[in-house]
């Protein structure tokens, strides 16, 4: 992603989170919390989040009037040995830990305000991160992901292996005990979108290993 592309992306995210609350940004956390029990732990996990990502990306393009804006993914498997050493945790990108306090994200203008909490309640406040070091030390490497791919002959095996393993671990690593990424209001944190874009890529990669059999494979 070039510097220009990155700037356009963050400017569009900032535009979403403006105006009377609930605003366009708030809608995504609201939807995710509302449907949480139906889209986690069941077969819709992957397809729901794919459509959710596309809705997000198209909303960014619409508010910025720029269809060249896209949602990048964070390949955390490349950073598995030292996640916090990744550039994504720097101020040019999404910044780092707030230790249970208010998170400041300079690329988005500083302190990030959010509305919904994980209990489907409106609570205007700052975004919170509280890194869980044990989870930070447990990121899945490329070889670990390949093991999941090799052991998952069908969607019914692949989906829970990814959701309950690497997907959940990244959420916990950033959200911790009281941070937004650690509950169902996780779309409040911009990390959500970079993380889930990679989760969606994993589904695509798994399908492409045997596209004839897996393209329409859906169960669970």
C-alpha atoms as a PDB file:
ATOM      1  CA  UNK A   1       0.000   0.000   0.000  1.00  0.00           C
ATOM      2  CA  UNK A   2       1.507   3.321  -1.027  1.00  0.00           C
ATOM      3  CA  UNK A   3       1.606   6.370   1.239  1.00  0.00           C
ATOM      4  CA  UNK A   4      -1.060   8.020  -0.924  1.00  0.00           C
ATOM      5  CA  UNK A   5      -3.322   4.961  -0.734  1.00  0.00           C
ATOM      6  CA  UNK A   6      -2.868   4.769   3.003  1.00  0.00           C
ATOM      7  CA  UNK A   7      -3.700   8.448   3.459  1.00  0.00           C
ATOM      8  CA  UNK A   8      -6.850   8.125   1.348  1.00  0.00           C
ATOM      9  CA  UNK A   9      -7.925   5.091   3.330  1.00  0.00           C
ATOM     10  CA  UNK A  10      -7.538   6.736   6.731  1.00  0.00           C
ATOM     11  CA  UNK A  11      -9.185   9.944   5.546  1.00  0.00           C
ATOM     12  CA  UNK A  12     -12.204   7.912   4.456  1.00  0.00           C
ATOM     13  CA  UNK A  13     -12.387   6.119   7.829  1.00  0.00           C
ATOM     14  CA  UNK A  14     -12.284   9.496   9.579  1.00  0.00           C
ATOM     15  CA  UNK A  15     -15.151  10.715   7.383  1.00  0.00           C
ATOM     16  CA  UNK A  16     -17.245   7.714   8.429  1.00  0.00           C
ATOM     17  CA  UNK A  17     -16.797   8.569  12.086  1.00  0.00           C
ATOM     18  CA  UNK A  18     -18.187  12.102  11.891  1.00  0.00           C
ATOM     19  CA  UNK A  19     -21.599  13.628  12.320  1.00  0.00           C
ATOM     20  CA  UNK A  20     -24.487  12.965  14.666  1.00  0.00           C
ATOM     21  CA  UNK A  21     -24.247   9.707  16.619  1.00  0.00           C
ATOM     22  CA  UNK A  22     -24.975   7.024  15.708  1.00  0.00           C
ATOM     23  CA  UNK A  23     -23.061   7.763  12.508  1.00  0.00           C
ATOM     24  CA  UNK A  24     -22.061   5.576   9.561  1.00  0.00           C
ATOM     25  CA  UNK A  25     -19.062   4.173  11.418  1.00  0.00           C
ATOM     26  CA  UNK A  26     -21.185   3.233  14.432  1.00  0.00           C
ATOM     27  CA  UNK A  27     -23.537   1.200  12.261  1.00  0.00           C
ATOM     28  CA  UNK A  28     -20.921  -1.495  11.702  1.00  0.00           C
ATOM     29  CA  UNK A  29     -20.342  -2.181  15.397  1.00  0.00           C
ATOM     30  CA  UNK A  30     -24.104  -2.113  15.961  1.00  0.00           C
ATOM     31  CA  UNK A  31     -24.743  -4.740  13.262  1.00  0.00           C
ATOM     32  CA  UNK A  32     -21.897  -6.943  14.479  1.00  0.00           C
ATOM     33  CA  UNK A  33     -23.133  -6.925  18.081  1.00  0.00           C
ATOM     34  CA  UNK A  34     -26.766  -7.428  17.083  1.00  0.00           C
ATOM     35  CA  UNK A  35     -26.056 -10.535  14.991  1.00  0.00           C
ATOM     36  CA  UNK A  36     -23.197 -11.819  17.140  1.00  0.00           C
ATOM     37  CA  UNK A  37     -24.923 -15.006  18.244  1.00  0.00           C
ATOM     38  CA  UNK A  38     -25.801 -15.987  14.692  1.00  0.00           C
ATOM     39  CA  UNK A  39     -22.495 -15.270  12.962  1.00  0.00           C
ATOM     40  CA  UNK A  40     -20.007 -16.766  15.402  1.00  0.00           C
ATOM     41  CA  UNK A  41     -19.618 -20.449  16.094  1.00  0.00           C
ATOM     42  CA  UNK A  42     -21.747 -21.354  13.085  1.00  0.00           C
ATOM     43  CA  UNK A  43     -21.371 -21.765   9.336  1.00  0.00           C
ATOM     44  CA  UNK A  44     -22.238 -18.115   8.488  1.00  0.00           C
ATOM     45  CA  UNK A  45     -18.997 -16.882  10.110  1.00  0.00           C
ATOM     46  CA  UNK A  46     -17.039 -16.649   6.855  1.00  0.00           C
ATOM     47  CA  UNK A  47     -19.763 -15.532   4.411  1.00  0.00           C
ATOM     48  CA  UNK A  48     -21.220 -12.965   6.796  1.00  0.00           C
ATOM     49  CA  UNK A  49     -17.868 -11.333   7.406  1.00  0.00           C
ATOM     50  CA  UNK A  50     -17.041 -11.365   3.693  1.00  0.00           C
ATOM     51  CA  UNK A  51     -20.188  -9.395   2.918  1.00  0.00           C
ATOM     52  CA  UNK A  52     -19.571  -7.206   5.982  1.00  0.00           C
ATOM     53  CA  UNK A  53     -16.099  -6.347   4.664  1.00  0.00           C
ATOM     54  CA  UNK A  54     -17.482  -5.535   1.232  1.00  0.00           C
ATOM     55  CA  UNK A  55     -20.170  -3.310   2.737  1.00  0.00           C
ATOM     56  CA  UNK A  56     -17.465  -1.514   4.744  1.00  0.00           C
ATOM     57  CA  UNK A  57     -15.222  -1.055   1.713  1.00  0.00           C
ATOM     58  CA  UNK A  58     -18.049   0.257  -0.458  1.00  0.00           C
ATOM     59  CA  UNK A  59     -19.099   2.655   2.303  1.00  0.00           C
ATOM     60  CA  UNK A  60     -15.549   4.044   2.468  1.00  0.00           C
ATOM     61  CA  UNK A  61     -15.569   4.523  -1.286  1.00  0.00           C
ATOM     62  CA  UNK A  62     -18.935   6.249  -1.196  1.00  0.00           C
ATOM     63  CA  UNK A  63     -18.169   8.746   1.578  1.00  0.00           C
ATOM     64  CA  UNK A  64     -14.861   9.661  -0.064  1.00  0.00           C
ATOM     65  CA  UNK A  65     -16.300   9.578  -3.589  1.00  0.00           C
ATOM     66  CA  UNK A  66     -13.324   7.453  -4.586  1.00  0.00           C
ATOM     67  CA  UNK A  67     -13.718   3.860  -5.776  1.00  0.00           C
ATOM     68  CA  UNK A  68      -9.962   3.284  -5.669  1.00  0.00           C
ATOM     69  CA  UNK A  69     -10.044   3.017  -1.857  1.00  0.00           C
ATOM     70  CA  UNK A  70      -9.850  -0.562  -0.656  1.00  0.00           C
ATOM     71  CA  UNK A  71      -9.498  -2.452   2.601  1.00  0.00           C
ATOM     72  CA  UNK A  72      -5.987  -3.913   2.976  1.00  0.00           C
ATOM     73  CA  UNK A  73      -5.304  -7.042   4.991  1.00  0.00           C
ATOM     74  CA  UNK A  74      -2.745  -7.569   7.728  1.00  0.00           C
ATOM     75  CA  UNK A  75      -0.868 -10.825   7.231  1.00  0.00           C
ATOM     76  CA  UNK A  76      -0.201 -11.412  10.909  1.00  0.00           C
ATOM     77  CA  UNK A  77       1.237 -14.861  10.135  1.00  0.00           C
ATOM     78  CA  UNK A  78       4.305 -13.087   8.740  1.00  0.00           C
ATOM     79  CA  UNK A  79       4.627 -11.266  12.069  1.00  0.00           C
ATOM     80  CA  UNK A  80       3.862 -14.279  14.262  1.00  0.00           C
ATOM     81  CA  UNK A  81       7.268 -14.344  15.955  1.00  0.00           C
ATOM     82  CA  UNK A  82       6.961 -10.692  17.013  1.00  0.00           C
ATOM     83  CA  UNK A  83       3.526  -9.214  16.267  1.00  0.00           C
ATOM     84  CA  UNK A  84       4.190  -5.907  18.031  1.00  0.00           C
ATOM     85  CA  UNK A  85       7.223  -5.396  15.833  1.00  0.00           C
ATOM     86  CA  UNK A  86       4.935  -5.091  12.822  1.00  0.00           C
ATOM     87  CA  UNK A  87       4.637  -1.647  11.183  1.00  0.00           C
ATOM     88  CA  UNK A  88       0.870  -1.868  11.695  1.00  0.00           C
ATOM     89  CA  UNK A  89       1.422  -1.036  15.374  1.00  0.00           C
ATOM     90  CA  UNK A  90       3.228   2.223  14.544  1.00  0.00           C
ATOM     91  CA  UNK A  91       1.685   5.687  14.493  1.00  0.00           C
ATOM     92  CA  UNK A  92       1.648   5.715  10.684  1.00  0.00           C
ATOM     93  CA  UNK A  93      -0.838   2.870  10.797  1.00  0.00           C
ATOM     94  CA  UNK A  94      -3.030   1.773  13.721  1.00  0.00           C
ATOM     95  CA  UNK A  95      -0.748   2.478  16.703  1.00  0.00           C
ATOM     96  CA  UNK A  96      -0.417   0.221  19.712  1.00  0.00           C
ATOM     97  CA  UNK A  97      -1.531  -0.592  23.222  1.00  0.00           C
ATOM     98  CA  UNK A  98      -3.462   1.802  25.449  1.00  0.00           C
ATOM     99  CA  UNK A  99      -3.173  -0.460  28.529  1.00  0.00           C
ATOM    100  CA  UNK A 100      -6.884  -0.330  29.217  1.00  0.00           C
ATOM    101  CA  UNK A 101      -7.134   3.423  28.728  1.00  0.00           C
ATOM    102  CA  UNK A 102      -8.049   5.582  25.758  1.00  0.00           C
ATOM    103  CA  UNK A 103      -6.356   4.599  22.530  1.00  0.00           C
ATOM    104  CA  UNK A 104      -4.742   7.330  20.434  1.00  0.00           C
ATOM    105  CA  UNK A 105      -4.435   6.691  16.702  1.00  0.00           C
ATOM    106  CA  UNK A 106      -2.539   9.583  15.055  1.00  0.00           C
ATOM    107  CA  UNK A 107      -3.353   8.344  11.551  1.00  0.00           C
ATOM    108  CA  UNK A 108      -7.022   8.883  12.443  1.00  0.00           C
ATOM    109  CA  UNK A 109      -6.519  12.197  14.173  1.00  0.00           C
ATOM    110  CA  UNK A 110      -5.781  11.077  17.735  1.00  0.00           C
ATOM    111  CA  UNK A 111      -8.215   9.715  20.305  1.00  0.00           C
ATOM    112  CA  UNK A 112     -10.821   7.539  18.592  1.00  0.00           C
ATOM    113  CA  UNK A 113     -14.427   7.886  19.741  1.00  0.00           C
ATOM    114  CA  UNK A 114     -16.852   4.945  19.578  1.00  0.00           C
ATOM    115  CA  UNK A 115     -20.488   4.461  20.531  1.00  0.00           C
ATOM    116  CA  UNK A 116     -21.594   0.842  20.887  1.00  0.00           C
ATOM    117  CA  UNK A 117     -20.367  -1.589  23.498  1.00  0.00           C
ATOM    118  CA  UNK A 118     -20.430  -5.382  23.430  1.00  0.00           C
ATOM    119  CA  UNK A 119     -23.735  -5.509  25.321  1.00  0.00           C
ATOM    120  CA  UNK A 120     -25.620  -3.705  22.543  1.00  0.00           C
ATOM    121  CA  UNK A 121     -25.751  -0.481  24.493  1.00  0.00           C
ATOM    122  CA  UNK A 122     -24.887   3.024  23.372  1.00  0.00           C
ATOM    123  CA  UNK A 123     -22.007   4.391  25.427  1.00  0.00           C
ATOM    124  CA  UNK A 124     -20.092   7.241  23.803  1.00  0.00           C
ATOM    125  CA  UNK A 125     -16.496   6.829  24.897  1.00  0.00           C
ATOM    126  CA  UNK A 126     -12.958   6.348  23.652  1.00  0.00           C
ATOM    127  CA  UNK A 127     -11.671   3.187  22.002  1.00  0.00           C
ATOM    128  CA  UNK A 128      -9.878   0.869  24.441  1.00  0.00           C
ATOM    129  CA  UNK A 129      -7.036  -1.597  23.851  1.00  0.00           C
ATOM    130  CA  UNK A 130      -5.500  -3.796  26.498  1.00  0.00           C
ATOM    131  CA  UNK A 131      -2.977  -6.155  24.941  1.00  0.00           C
ATOM    132  CA  UNK A 132      -2.900  -9.732  26.201  1.00  0.00           C
ATOM    133  CA  UNK A 133       0.733 -10.788  26.100  1.00  0.00           C
ATOM    134  CA  UNK A 134       0.018 -14.514  26.233  1.00  0.00           C
ATOM    135  CA  UNK A 135      -2.119 -14.188  23.101  1.00  0.00           C
ATOM    136  CA  UNK A 136       0.501 -11.933  21.491  1.00  0.00           C
ATOM    137  CA  UNK A 137       2.974 -14.779  21.956  1.00  0.00           C
ATOM    138  CA  UNK A 138       0.587 -17.300  20.386  1.00  0.00           C
ATOM    139  CA  UNK A 139       0.051 -15.936  16.879  1.00  0.00           C
ATOM    140  CA  UNK A 140      -0.265 -18.625  14.234  1.00  0.00           C
ATOM    141  CA  UNK A 141       2.693 -18.802  11.859  1.00  0.00           C
ATOM    142  CA  UNK A 142       2.442 -19.616   8.174  1.00  0.00           C
ATOM    143  CA  UNK A 143       3.356 -23.219   8.921  1.00  0.00           C
ATOM    144  CA  UNK A 144       0.683 -23.427  11.632  1.00  0.00           C
ATOM    145  CA  UNK A 145      -1.902 -22.120   9.187  1.00  0.00           C
ATOM    146  CA  UNK A 146      -0.762 -24.651   6.618  1.00  0.00           C
ATOM    147  CA  UNK A 147      -1.363 -27.404   9.167  1.00  0.00           C
ATOM    148  CA  UNK A 148      -4.965 -26.212   9.538  1.00  0.00           C
ATOM    149  CA  UNK A 149      -5.324 -26.198   5.749  1.00  0.00           C
ATOM    150  CA  UNK A 150      -3.929 -29.718   5.484  1.00  0.00           C
ATOM    151  CA  UNK A 151      -6.188 -31.045   8.228  1.00  0.00           C
ATOM    152  CA  UNK A 152      -9.353 -29.398   6.898  1.00  0.00           C
ATOM    153  CA  UNK A 153     -10.792 -31.411   4.048  1.00  0.00           C
ATOM    154  CA  UNK A 154     -14.117 -29.612   4.109  1.00  0.00           C
ATOM    155  CA  UNK A 155     -15.684 -26.349   5.179  1.00  0.00           C
ATOM    156  CA  UNK A 156     -17.151 -27.921   8.293  1.00  0.00           C
ATOM    157  CA  UNK A 157     -13.626 -28.570   9.549  1.00  0.00           C
ATOM    158  CA  UNK A 158     -11.931 -25.453   8.210  1.00  0.00           C
ATOM    159  CA  UNK A 159     -14.317 -22.790   9.514  1.00  0.00           C
ATOM    160  CA  UNK A 160     -14.223 -23.631  13.252  1.00  0.00           C
ATOM    161  CA  UNK A 161     -10.474 -24.309  13.100  1.00  0.00           C
ATOM    162  CA  UNK A 162      -9.821 -20.773  11.851  1.00  0.00           C
ATOM    163  CA  UNK A 163     -12.508 -19.018  13.869  1.00  0.00           C
ATOM    164  CA  UNK A 164     -11.673 -20.642  17.170  1.00  0.00           C
ATOM    165  CA  UNK A 165      -7.911 -20.595  16.661  1.00  0.00           C
ATOM    166  CA  UNK A 166      -6.027 -17.794  14.890  1.00  0.00           C
ATOM    167  CA  UNK A 167      -9.061 -15.544  14.438  1.00  0.00           C
ATOM    168  CA  UNK A 168      -9.980 -15.494  18.102  1.00  0.00           C
ATOM    169  CA  UNK A 169      -6.391 -15.242  19.255  1.00  0.00           C
ATOM    170  CA  UNK A 170      -5.749 -11.989  17.384  1.00  0.00           C
ATOM    171  CA  UNK A 171      -8.923 -10.468  18.825  1.00  0.00           C
ATOM    172  CA  UNK A 172      -7.870 -11.370  22.365  1.00  0.00           C
ATOM    173  CA  UNK A 173      -4.278 -10.231  21.828  1.00  0.00           C
ATOM    174  CA  UNK A 174      -5.387  -6.683  21.048  1.00  0.00           C
ATOM    175  CA  UNK A 175      -8.579  -6.348  23.086  1.00  0.00           C
ATOM    176  CA  UNK A 176      -7.501  -8.218  26.164  1.00  0.00           C
ATOM    177  CA  UNK A 177      -9.819  -8.167  29.164  1.00  0.00           C
ATOM    178  CA  UNK A 178     -11.630  -4.872  28.530  1.00  0.00           C
ATOM    179  CA  UNK A 179     -10.693  -3.655  25.066  1.00  0.00           C
ATOM    180  CA  UNK A 180     -13.052  -3.339  22.108  1.00  0.00           C
ATOM    181  CA  UNK A 181     -11.326  -6.000  20.027  1.00  0.00           C
ATOM    182  CA  UNK A 182     -12.046  -8.468  22.822  1.00  0.00           C
ATOM    183  CA  UNK A 183     -15.840  -8.195  22.599  1.00  0.00           C
ATOM    184  CA  UNK A 184     -18.527  -8.189  19.919  1.00  0.00           C
ATOM    185  CA  UNK A 185     -18.195  -4.438  19.377  1.00  0.00           C
ATOM    186  CA  UNK A 186     -14.793  -5.184  17.821  1.00  0.00           C
ATOM    187  CA  UNK A 187     -15.541  -3.234  14.593  1.00  0.00           C
ATOM    188  CA  UNK A 188     -15.015  -0.143  16.773  1.00  0.00           C
ATOM    189  CA  UNK A 189     -11.296  -0.829  16.449  1.00  0.00           C
ATOM    190  CA  UNK A 190      -9.777  -0.305  12.978  1.00  0.00           C
ATOM    191  CA  UNK A 191      -7.678  -3.410  13.620  1.00  0.00           C
ATOM    192  CA  UNK A 192     -10.872  -5.416  13.074  1.00  0.00           C
ATOM    193  CA  UNK A 193     -10.954  -4.628   9.364  1.00  0.00           C
ATOM    194  CA  UNK A 194      -7.288  -5.400   8.673  1.00  0.00           C
ATOM    195  CA  UNK A 195      -7.596  -8.630  10.643  1.00  0.00           C
ATOM    196  CA  UNK A 196     -10.807  -9.824   9.027  1.00  0.00           C
ATOM    197  CA  UNK A 197      -9.578  -8.975   5.546  1.00  0.00           C
ATOM    198  CA  UNK A 198      -6.802 -11.509   6.163  1.00  0.00           C
ATOM    199  CA  UNK A 199      -9.235 -14.033   7.644  1.00  0.00           C
ATOM    200  CA  UNK A 200     -11.247 -13.732   4.432  1.00  0.00           C
ATOM    201  CA  UNK A 201      -8.089 -14.236   2.370  1.00  0.00           C
ATOM    202  CA  UNK A 202      -7.427 -17.464   4.270  1.00  0.00           C
ATOM    203  CA  UNK A 203     -10.847 -18.764   3.253  1.00  0.00           C
ATOM    204  CA  UNK A 204     -10.106 -17.868  -0.349  1.00  0.00           C
ATOM    205  CA  UNK A 205      -6.682 -19.524  -0.201  1.00  0.00           C
ATOM    206  CA  UNK A 206      -8.174 -22.687   1.281  1.00  0.00           C
ATOM    207  CA  UNK A 207     -10.822 -22.859  -1.446  1.00  0.00           C
ATOM    208  CA  UNK A 208      -8.226 -22.364  -4.172  1.00  0.00           C
ATOM    209  CA  UNK A 209      -6.300 -25.416  -3.014  1.00  0.00           C
ATOM    210  CA  UNK A 210      -9.159 -27.490  -4.446  1.00  0.00           C
ATOM    211  CA  UNK A 211     -11.508 -25.031  -6.098  1.00  0.00           C
ATOM    212  CA  UNK A 212     -13.650 -27.644  -7.800  1.00  0.00           C
ATOM    213  CA  UNK A 213     -14.628 -29.281  -4.540  1.00  0.00           C
ATOM    214  CA  UNK A 214     -14.467 -26.326  -2.166  1.00  0.00           C
ATOM    215  CA  UNK A 215     -15.975 -23.377  -3.994  1.00  0.00           C
ATOM    216  CA  UNK A 216     -19.509 -24.371  -2.942  1.00  0.00           C
ATOM    217  CA  UNK A 217     -18.584 -26.329   0.184  1.00  0.00           C
ATOM    218  CA  UNK A 218     -20.654 -25.034   3.086  1.00  0.00           C
ATOM    219  CA  UNK A 219     -21.743 -26.803   6.247  1.00  0.00           C
ATOM    220  CA  UNK A 220     -21.718 -26.524  10.013  1.00  0.00           C
END
